[in-house]
ModelCIF file with pLDDT and N, C-alpha, C, O atoms, coordinates in Angstrom:
data_MODEL
#
_entry.id   MODEL 
#
_entity.id                         1 
_entity.type                       polymer 
_entity.pdbx_number_of_molecules   1 
#
_entity_poly.entity_id                      1 
_entity_poly.type                           'polypeptide(L)' 
_entity_poly.nstd_linkage                   no 
_entity_poly.nstd_monomer                   no 
_entity_poly.pdbx_seq_one_letter_code       NATPNSAPHAPWAERAMAAHRNAIENLIVFAAVV 
_entity_poly.pdbx_seq_one_letter_code_can   NATPNSAPHAPWAERAMAAHRNAIENLIVFAAVV 
_entity_poly.pdbx_strand_id                 A 
#
loop_
_entity_poly_seq.entity_id 
_entity_poly_seq.num 
_entity_poly_seq.mon_id 
_entity_poly_seq.hetero 
1 1  ASN n 
1 2  ALA n 
1 3  THR n 
1 4  PRO n 
1 5  ASN n 
1 6  SER n 
1 7  ALA n 
1 8  PRO n 
1 9  HIS n 
1 10 ALA n 
1 11 PRO n 
1 12 TRP n 
1 13 ALA n 
1 14 GLU n 
1 15 ARG n 
1 16 ALA n 
1 17 MET n 
1 18 ALA n 
1 19 ALA n 
1 20 HIS n 
1 21 ARG n 
1 22 ASN n 
1 23 ALA n 
1 24 ILE n 
1 25 GLU n 
1 26 ASN n 
1 27 LEU n 
1 28 ILE n 
1 29 VAL n 
1 30 PHE n 
1 31 ALA n 
1 32 ALA n 
1 33 VAL n 
1 34 VAL n 
#
_struct_asym.id          A 
_struct_asym.entity_id   1 
#
loop_
_ma_qa_metric.id 
_ma_qa_metric.mode 
_ma_qa_metric.name 
_ma_qa_metric.software_group_id 
_ma_qa_metric.type 
1 global pLDDT . pLDDT 
2 local  pLDDT . pLDDT 
#
_ma_qa_metric_global.metric_id      1 
_ma_qa_metric_global.metric_value   95.44 
_ma_qa_metric_global.model_id       1 
_ma_qa_metric_global.ordinal_id     1 
#
loop_
_ma_qa_metric_local.label_asym_id 
_ma_qa_metric_local.label_comp_id 
_ma_qa_metric_local.label_seq_id 
_ma_qa_metric_local.metric_id 
_ma_qa_metric_local.metric_value 
_ma_qa_metric_local.model_id 
_ma_qa_metric_local.ordinal_id 
A ASN 1  2 91.00 1 1  
A ALA 2  2 87.00 1 2  
A THR 3  2 87.00 1 3  
A PRO 4  2 86.00 1 4  
A ASN 5  2 87.00 1 5  
A SER 6  2 89.00 1 6  
A ALA 7  2 90.00 1 7  
A PRO 8  2 92.00 1 8  
A HIS 9  2 93.00 1 9  
A ALA 10 2 96.00 1 10 
A PRO 11 2 97.00 1 11 
A TRP 12 2 98.00 1 12 
A ALA 13 2 97.00 1 13 
A GLU 14 2 96.00 1 14 
A ARG 15 2 98.00 1 15 
A ALA 16 2 98.00 1 16 
A MET 17 2 97.00 1 17 
A ALA 18 2 98.00 1 18 
A ALA 19 2 98.00 1 19 
A HIS 20 2 98.00 1 20 
A ARG 21 2 98.00 1 21 
A ASN 22 2 98.00 1 22 
A ALA 23 2 98.00 1 23 
A ILE 24 2 98.00 1 24 
A GLU 25 2 98.00 1 25 
A ASN 26 2 98.00 1 26 
A LEU 27 2 98.00 1 27 
A ILE 28 2 98.00 1 28 
A VAL 29 2 98.00 1 29 
A PHE 30 2 98.00 1 30 
A ALA 31 2 98.00 1 31 
A ALA 32 2 98.00 1 32 
A VAL 33 2 98.00 1 33 
A VAL 34 2 98.00 1 34 
#
loop_
_atom_site.group_PDB 
_atom_site.id 
_atom_site.type_symbol 
_atom_site.label_atom_id 
_atom_site.label_alt_id 
_atom_site.label_comp_id 
_atom_site.label_asym_id 
_atom_site.label_entity_id 
_atom_site.label_seq_id 
_atom_site.pdbx_PDB_ins_code 
_atom_site.Cartn_x 
_atom_site.Cartn_y 
_atom_site.Cartn_z 
_atom_site.occupancy 
_atom_site.B_iso_or_equiv 
_atom_site.pdbx_formal_charge 
_atom_site.auth_seq_id 
_atom_site.auth_comp_id 
_atom_site.auth_asym_id 
_atom_site.auth_atom_id 
_atom_site.pdbx_PDB_model_num 
ATOM 1   N N  . ASN A 1 1  ? 132.754 79.666  116.319 1.00 91.00 ? 1  ASN A N  1 
ATOM 2   C CA . ASN A 1 1  ? 134.213 79.772  116.445 1.00 91.00 ? 1  ASN A CA 1 
ATOM 3   C C  . ASN A 1 1  ? 134.887 78.803  115.470 1.00 91.00 ? 1  ASN A C  1 
ATOM 4   O O  . ASN A 1 1  ? 134.432 77.681  115.252 1.00 91.00 ? 1  ASN A O  1 
ATOM 5   N N  . ALA A 1 2  ? 135.939 79.264  114.920 1.00 87.00 ? 2  ALA A N  1 
ATOM 6   C CA . ALA A 1 2  ? 136.766 78.422  114.044 1.00 87.00 ? 2  ALA A CA 1 
ATOM 7   C C  . ALA A 1 2  ? 137.440 77.329  114.807 1.00 87.00 ? 2  ALA A C  1 
ATOM 8   O O  . ALA A 1 2  ? 137.922 77.527  115.922 1.00 87.00 ? 2  ALA A O  1 
ATOM 9   N N  . THR A 1 3  ? 137.473 76.123  114.170 1.00 87.00 ? 3  THR A N  1 
ATOM 10  C CA . THR A 1 3  ? 138.182 75.038  114.787 1.00 87.00 ? 3  THR A CA 1 
ATOM 11  C C  . THR A 1 3  ? 139.216 74.507  113.803 1.00 87.00 ? 3  THR A C  1 
ATOM 12  O O  . THR A 1 3  ? 139.223 74.901  112.637 1.00 87.00 ? 3  THR A O  1 
ATOM 13  N N  . PRO A 1 4  ? 140.055 73.649  114.247 1.00 86.00 ? 4  PRO A N  1 
ATOM 14  C CA . PRO A 1 4  ? 141.033 73.080  113.292 1.00 86.00 ? 4  PRO A CA 1 
ATOM 15  C C  . PRO A 1 4  ? 140.468 72.341  112.122 1.00 86.00 ? 4  PRO A C  1 
ATOM 16  O O  . PRO A 1 4  ? 141.112 72.129  111.095 1.00 86.00 ? 4  PRO A O  1 
ATOM 17  N N  . ASN A 1 5  ? 139.161 71.937  112.335 1.00 87.00 ? 5  ASN A N  1 
ATOM 18  C CA . ASN A 1 5  ? 138.473 71.265  111.187 1.00 87.00 ? 5  ASN A CA 1 
ATOM 19  C C  . ASN A 1 5  ? 137.652 72.261  110.279 1.00 87.00 ? 5  ASN A C  1 
ATOM 20  O O  . ASN A 1 5  ? 137.016 71.816  109.323 1.00 87.00 ? 5  ASN A O  1 
ATOM 21  N N  . SER A 1 6  ? 137.664 73.508  110.555 1.00 89.00 ? 6  SER A N  1 
ATOM 22  C CA . SER A 1 6  ? 136.957 74.473  109.821 1.00 89.00 ? 6  SER A CA 1 
ATOM 23  C C  . SER A 1 6  ? 137.483 74.608  108.440 1.00 89.00 ? 6  SER A C  1 
ATOM 24  O O  . SER A 1 6  ? 138.704 74.607  108.282 1.00 89.00 ? 6  SER A O  1 
ATOM 25  N N  . ALA A 1 7  ? 136.666 74.727  107.404 1.00 90.00 ? 7  ALA A N  1 
ATOM 26  C CA . ALA A 1 7  ? 137.053 74.854  106.069 1.00 90.00 ? 7  ALA A CA 1 
ATOM 27  C C  . ALA A 1 7  ? 137.889 76.177  105.907 1.00 90.00 ? 7  ALA A C  1 
ATOM 28  O O  . ALA A 1 7  ? 137.502 77.206  106.461 1.00 90.00 ? 7  ALA A O  1 
ATOM 29  N N  . PRO A 1 8  ? 139.009 76.150  105.164 1.00 92.00 ? 8  PRO A N  1 
ATOM 30  C CA . PRO A 1 8  ? 139.814 77.345  105.069 1.00 92.00 ? 8  PRO A CA 1 
ATOM 31  C C  . PRO A 1 8  ? 139.194 78.386  104.144 1.00 92.00 ? 8  PRO A C  1 
ATOM 32  O O  . PRO A 1 8  ? 138.374 78.077  103.279 1.00 92.00 ? 8  PRO A O  1 
ATOM 33  N N  . HIS A 1 9  ? 139.608 79.607  104.356 1.00 93.00 ? 9  HIS A N  1 
ATOM 34  C CA . HIS A 1 9  ? 139.178 80.707  103.394 1.00 93.00 ? 9  HIS A CA 1 
ATOM 35  C C  . HIS A 1 9  ? 139.821 80.439  102.113 1.00 93.00 ? 9  HIS A C  1 
ATOM 36  O O  . HIS A 1 9  ? 140.762 79.654  101.999 1.00 93.00 ? 9  HIS A O  1 
ATOM 37  N N  . ALA A 1 10 ? 139.264 81.150  101.070 1.00 96.00 ? 10 ALA A N  1 
ATOM 38  C CA . ALA A 1 10 ? 139.875 81.144  99.778  1.00 96.00 ? 10 ALA A CA 1 
ATOM 39  C C  . ALA A 1 10 ? 141.123 82.000  99.907  1.00 96.00 ? 10 ALA A C  1 
ATOM 40  O O  . ALA A 1 10 ? 141.203 82.901  100.742 1.00 96.00 ? 10 ALA A O  1 
ATOM 41  N N  . PRO A 1 11 ? 142.124 81.683  99.028  1.00 97.00 ? 11 PRO A N  1 
ATOM 42  C CA . PRO A 1 11 ? 143.443 82.475  99.156  1.00 97.00 ? 11 PRO A CA 1 
ATOM 43  C C  . PRO A 1 11 ? 143.177 83.955  99.070  1.00 97.00 ? 11 PRO A C  1 
ATOM 44  O O  . PRO A 1 11 ? 143.806 84.712  99.810  1.00 97.00 ? 11 PRO A O  1 
ATOM 45  N N  . TRP A 1 12 ? 142.251 84.438  98.182  1.00 98.00 ? 12 TRP A N  1 
ATOM 46  C CA . TRP A 1 12 ? 142.012 85.908  98.101  1.00 98.00 ? 12 TRP A CA 1 
ATOM 47  C C  . TRP A 1 12 ? 141.509 86.413  99.421  1.00 98.00 ? 12 TRP A C  1 
ATOM 48  O O  . TRP A 1 12 ? 141.881 87.511  99.835  1.00 98.00 ? 12 TRP A O  1 
ATOM 49  N N  . ALA A 1 13 ? 140.662 85.642  100.114 1.00 97.00 ? 13 ALA A N  1 
ATOM 50  C CA . ALA A 1 13 ? 140.091 86.114  101.389 1.00 97.00 ? 13 ALA A CA 1 
ATOM 51  C C  . ALA A 1 13 ? 141.147 86.203  102.486 1.00 97.00 ? 13 ALA A C  1 
ATOM 52  O O  . ALA A 1 13 ? 141.094 87.082  103.347 1.00 97.00 ? 13 ALA A O  1 
ATOM 53  N N  . GLU A 1 14 ? 142.127 85.259  102.442 1.00 96.00 ? 14 GLU A N  1 
ATOM 54  C CA . GLU A 1 14 ? 143.313 85.331  103.360 1.00 96.00 ? 14 GLU A CA 1 
ATOM 55  C C  . GLU A 1 14 ? 144.044 86.672  103.097 1.00 96.00 ? 14 GLU A C  1 
ATOM 56  O O  . GLU A 1 14 ? 144.377 87.391  104.039 1.00 96.00 ? 14 GLU A O  1 
ATOM 57  N N  . ARG A 1 15 ? 144.288 86.998  101.812 1.00 98.00 ? 15 ARG A N  1 
ATOM 58  C CA . ARG A 1 15 ? 144.916 88.167  101.480 1.00 98.00 ? 15 ARG A CA 1 
ATOM 59  C C  . ARG A 1 15 ? 144.235 89.466  101.915 1.00 98.00 ? 15 ARG A C  1 
ATOM 60  O O  . ARG A 1 15 ? 144.845 90.444  102.347 1.00 98.00 ? 15 ARG A O  1 
ATOM 61  N N  . ALA A 1 16 ? 142.859 89.378  101.753 1.00 98.00 ? 16 ALA A N  1 
ATOM 62  C CA . ALA A 1 16 ? 142.027 90.516  102.172 1.00 98.00 ? 16 ALA A CA 1 
ATOM 63  C C  . ALA A 1 16 ? 142.122 90.695  103.661 1.00 98.00 ? 16 ALA A C  1 
ATOM 64  O O  . ALA A 1 16 ? 142.200 91.824  104.146 1.00 98.00 ? 16 ALA A O  1 
ATOM 65  N N  . MET A 1 17 ? 142.117 89.633  104.379 1.00 97.00 ? 17 MET A N  1 
ATOM 66  C CA . MET A 1 17 ? 142.321 89.688  105.893 1.00 97.00 ? 17 MET A CA 1 
ATOM 67  C C  . MET A 1 17 ? 143.618 90.344  106.266 1.00 97.00 ? 17 MET A C  1 
ATOM 68  O O  . MET A 1 17 ? 143.679 91.165  107.181 1.00 97.00 ? 17 MET A O  1 
ATOM 69  N N  . ALA A 1 18 ? 144.689 89.961  105.527 1.00 98.00 ? 18 ALA A N  1 
ATOM 70  C CA . ALA A 1 18 ? 145.996 90.574  105.714 1.00 98.00 ? 18 ALA A CA 1 
ATOM 71  C C  . ALA A 1 18 ? 146.026 92.069  105.414 1.00 98.00 ? 18 ALA A C  1 
ATOM 72  O O  . ALA A 1 18 ? 146.612 92.875  106.138 1.00 98.00 ? 18 ALA A O  1 
ATOM 73  N N  . ALA A 1 19 ? 145.363 92.392  104.308 1.00 98.00 ? 19 ALA A N  1 
ATOM 74  C CA . ALA A 1 19 ? 145.301 93.763  103.858 1.00 98.00 ? 19 ALA A CA 1 
ATOM 75  C C  . ALA A 1 19 ? 144.513 94.627  104.831 1.00 98.00 ? 19 ALA A C  1 
ATOM 76  O O  . ALA A 1 19 ? 144.851 95.785  105.076 1.00 98.00 ? 19 ALA A O  1 
ATOM 77  N N  . HIS A 1 20 ? 143.414 94.016  105.399 1.00 98.00 ? 20 HIS A N  1 
ATOM 78  C CA . HIS A 1 20 ? 142.634 94.703  106.364 1.00 98.00 ? 20 HIS A CA 1 
ATOM 79  C C  . HIS A 1 20 ? 143.401 95.022  107.697 1.00 98.00 ? 20 HIS A C  1 
ATOM 80  O O  . HIS A 1 20 ? 143.287 96.089  108.299 1.00 98.00 ? 20 HIS A O  1 
ATOM 81  N N  . ARG A 1 21 ? 144.166 94.010  108.075 1.00 98.00 ? 21 ARG A N  1 
ATOM 82  C CA . ARG A 1 21 ? 145.091 94.211  109.330 1.00 98.00 ? 21 ARG A CA 1 
ATOM 83  C C  . ARG A 1 21 ? 146.075 95.274  109.088 1.00 98.00 ? 21 ARG A C  1 
ATOM 84  O O  . ARG A 1 21 ? 146.330 96.081  109.982 1.00 98.00 ? 21 ARG A O  1 
ATOM 85  N N  . ASN A 1 22 ? 146.679 95.332  107.870 1.00 98.00 ? 22 ASN A N  1 
ATOM 86  C CA . ASN A 1 22 ? 147.641 96.295  107.516 1.00 98.00 ? 22 ASN A CA 1 
ATOM 87  C C  . ASN A 1 22 ? 147.019 97.743  107.445 1.00 98.00 ? 22 ASN A C  1 
ATOM 88  O O  . ASN A 1 22 ? 147.630 98.747  107.810 1.00 98.00 ? 22 ASN A O  1 
ATOM 89  N N  . ALA A 1 23 ? 145.775 97.742  106.952 1.00 98.00 ? 23 ALA A N  1 
ATOM 90  C CA . ALA A 1 23 ? 145.099 99.062  106.905 1.00 98.00 ? 23 ALA A CA 1 
ATOM 91  C C  . ALA A 1 23 ? 144.824 99.582  108.282 1.00 98.00 ? 23 ALA A C  1 
ATOM 92  O O  . ALA A 1 23 ? 144.960 100.783 108.517 1.00 98.00 ? 23 ALA A O  1 
ATOM 93  N N  . ILE A 1 24 ? 144.435 98.712  109.226 1.00 98.00 ? 24 ILE A N  1 
ATOM 94  C CA . ILE A 1 24 ? 144.248 99.179  110.602 1.00 98.00 ? 24 ILE A CA 1 
ATOM 95  C C  . ILE A 1 24 ? 145.489 99.668  111.207 1.00 98.00 ? 24 ILE A C  1 
ATOM 96  O O  . ILE A 1 24 ? 145.483 100.697 111.881 1.00 98.00 ? 24 ILE A O  1 
ATOM 97  N N  . GLU A 1 25 ? 146.579 98.971  110.999 1.00 98.00 ? 25 GLU A N  1 
ATOM 98  C CA . GLU A 1 25 ? 147.866 99.404  111.571 1.00 98.00 ? 25 GLU A CA 1 
ATOM 99  C C  . GLU A 1 25 ? 148.250 100.748 111.005 1.00 98.00 ? 25 GLU A C  1 
ATOM 100 O O  . GLU A 1 25 ? 148.709 101.612 111.752 1.00 98.00 ? 25 GLU A O  1 
ATOM 101 N N  . ASN A 1 26 ? 148.084 100.957 109.727 1.00 98.00 ? 26 ASN A N  1 
ATOM 102 C CA . ASN A 1 26 ? 148.511 102.270 109.105 1.00 98.00 ? 26 ASN A CA 1 
ATOM 103 C C  . ASN A 1 26 ? 147.534 103.359 109.473 1.00 98.00 ? 26 ASN A C  1 
ATOM 104 O O  . ASN A 1 26 ? 147.934 104.516 109.606 1.00 98.00 ? 26 ASN A O  1 
ATOM 105 N N  . LEU A 1 27 ? 146.212 103.020 109.648 1.00 98.00 ? 27 LEU A N  1 
ATOM 106 C CA . LEU A 1 27 ? 145.243 104.061 110.038 1.00 98.00 ? 27 LEU A CA 1 
ATOM 107 C C  . LEU A 1 27 ? 145.630 104.690 111.377 1.00 98.00 ? 27 LEU A C  1 
ATOM 108 O O  . LEU A 1 27 ? 145.484 105.901 111.542 1.00 98.00 ? 27 LEU A O  1 
ATOM 109 N N  . ILE A 1 28 ? 146.084 103.959 112.268 1.00 98.00 ? 28 ILE A N  1 
ATOM 110 C CA . ILE A 1 28 ? 146.447 104.474 113.620 1.00 98.00 ? 28 ILE A CA 1 
ATOM 111 C C  . ILE A 1 28 ? 147.440 105.604 113.443 1.00 98.00 ? 28 ILE A C  1 
ATOM 112 O O  . ILE A 1 28 ? 147.218 106.698 113.963 1.00 98.00 ? 28 ILE A O  1 
ATOM 113 N N  . VAL A 1 29 ? 148.540 105.372 112.720 1.00 98.00 ? 29 VAL A N  1 
ATOM 114 C CA . VAL A 1 29 ? 149.551 106.378 112.545 1.00 98.00 ? 29 VAL A CA 1 
ATOM 115 C C  . VAL A 1 29 ? 149.034 107.593 111.758 1.00 98.00 ? 29 VAL A C  1 
ATOM 116 O O  . VAL A 1 29 ? 149.312 108.739 112.108 1.00 98.00 ? 29 VAL A O  1 
ATOM 117 N N  . PHE A 1 30 ? 148.252 107.306 110.657 1.00 98.00 ? 30 PHE A N  1 
ATOM 118 C CA . PHE A 1 30 ? 147.712 108.361 109.859 1.00 98.00 ? 30 PHE A CA 1 
ATOM 119 C C  . PHE A 1 30 ? 146.785 109.247 110.724 1.00 98.00 ? 30 PHE A C  1 
ATOM 120 O O  . PHE A 1 30 ? 146.898 110.472 110.688 1.00 98.00 ? 30 PHE A O  1 
ATOM 121 N N  . ALA A 1 31 ? 145.864 108.623 111.506 1.00 98.00 ? 31 ALA A N  1 
ATOM 122 C CA . ALA A 1 31 ? 144.940 109.410 112.337 1.00 98.00 ? 31 ALA A CA 1 
ATOM 123 C C  . ALA A 1 31 ? 145.731 110.247 113.351 1.00 98.00 ? 31 ALA A C  1 
ATOM 124 O O  . ALA A 1 31 ? 145.327 111.368 113.661 1.00 98.00 ? 31 ALA A O  1 
ATOM 125 N N  . ALA A 1 32 ? 146.798 109.750 113.850 1.00 98.00 ? 32 ALA A N  1 
ATOM 126 C CA . ALA A 1 32 ? 147.580 110.463 114.838 1.00 98.00 ? 32 ALA A CA 1 
ATOM 127 C C  . ALA A 1 32 ? 148.156 111.752 114.238 1.00 98.00 ? 32 ALA A C  1 
ATOM 128 O O  . ALA A 1 32 ? 148.096 112.821 114.846 1.00 98.00 ? 32 ALA A O  1 
ATOM 129 N N  . VAL A 1 33 ? 148.702 111.624 113.059 1.00 98.00 ? 33 VAL A N  1 
ATOM 130 C CA . VAL A 1 33 ? 149.287 112.865 112.461 1.00 98.00 ? 33 VAL A CA 1 
ATOM 131 C C  . VAL A 1 33 ? 148.261 113.835 111.911 1.00 98.00 ? 33 VAL A C  1 
ATOM 132 O O  . VAL A 1 33 ? 148.479 115.046 111.928 1.00 98.00 ? 33 VAL A O  1 
ATOM 133 N N  . VAL A 1 34 ? 147.103 113.299 111.405 1.00 98.00 ? 34 VAL A N  1 
ATOM 134 C CA . VAL A 1 34 ? 146.057 114.240 110.990 1.00 98.00 ? 34 VAL A CA 1 
ATOM 135 C C  . VAL A 1 34 ? 145.451 114.920 112.178 1.00 98.00 ? 34 VAL A C  1 
ATOM 136 O O  . VAL A 1 34 ? 144.553 115.747 112.024 1.00 98.00 ? 34 VAL A O  1 
#
């Protein structure tokens, strides 16, 4: 489990995590209409 002392992700990895969350959010709506 991550702790406050855990080393942070690289900035690109943080952006990838945000993109993944966004993809999941958009997949739900796309799947519903398809």
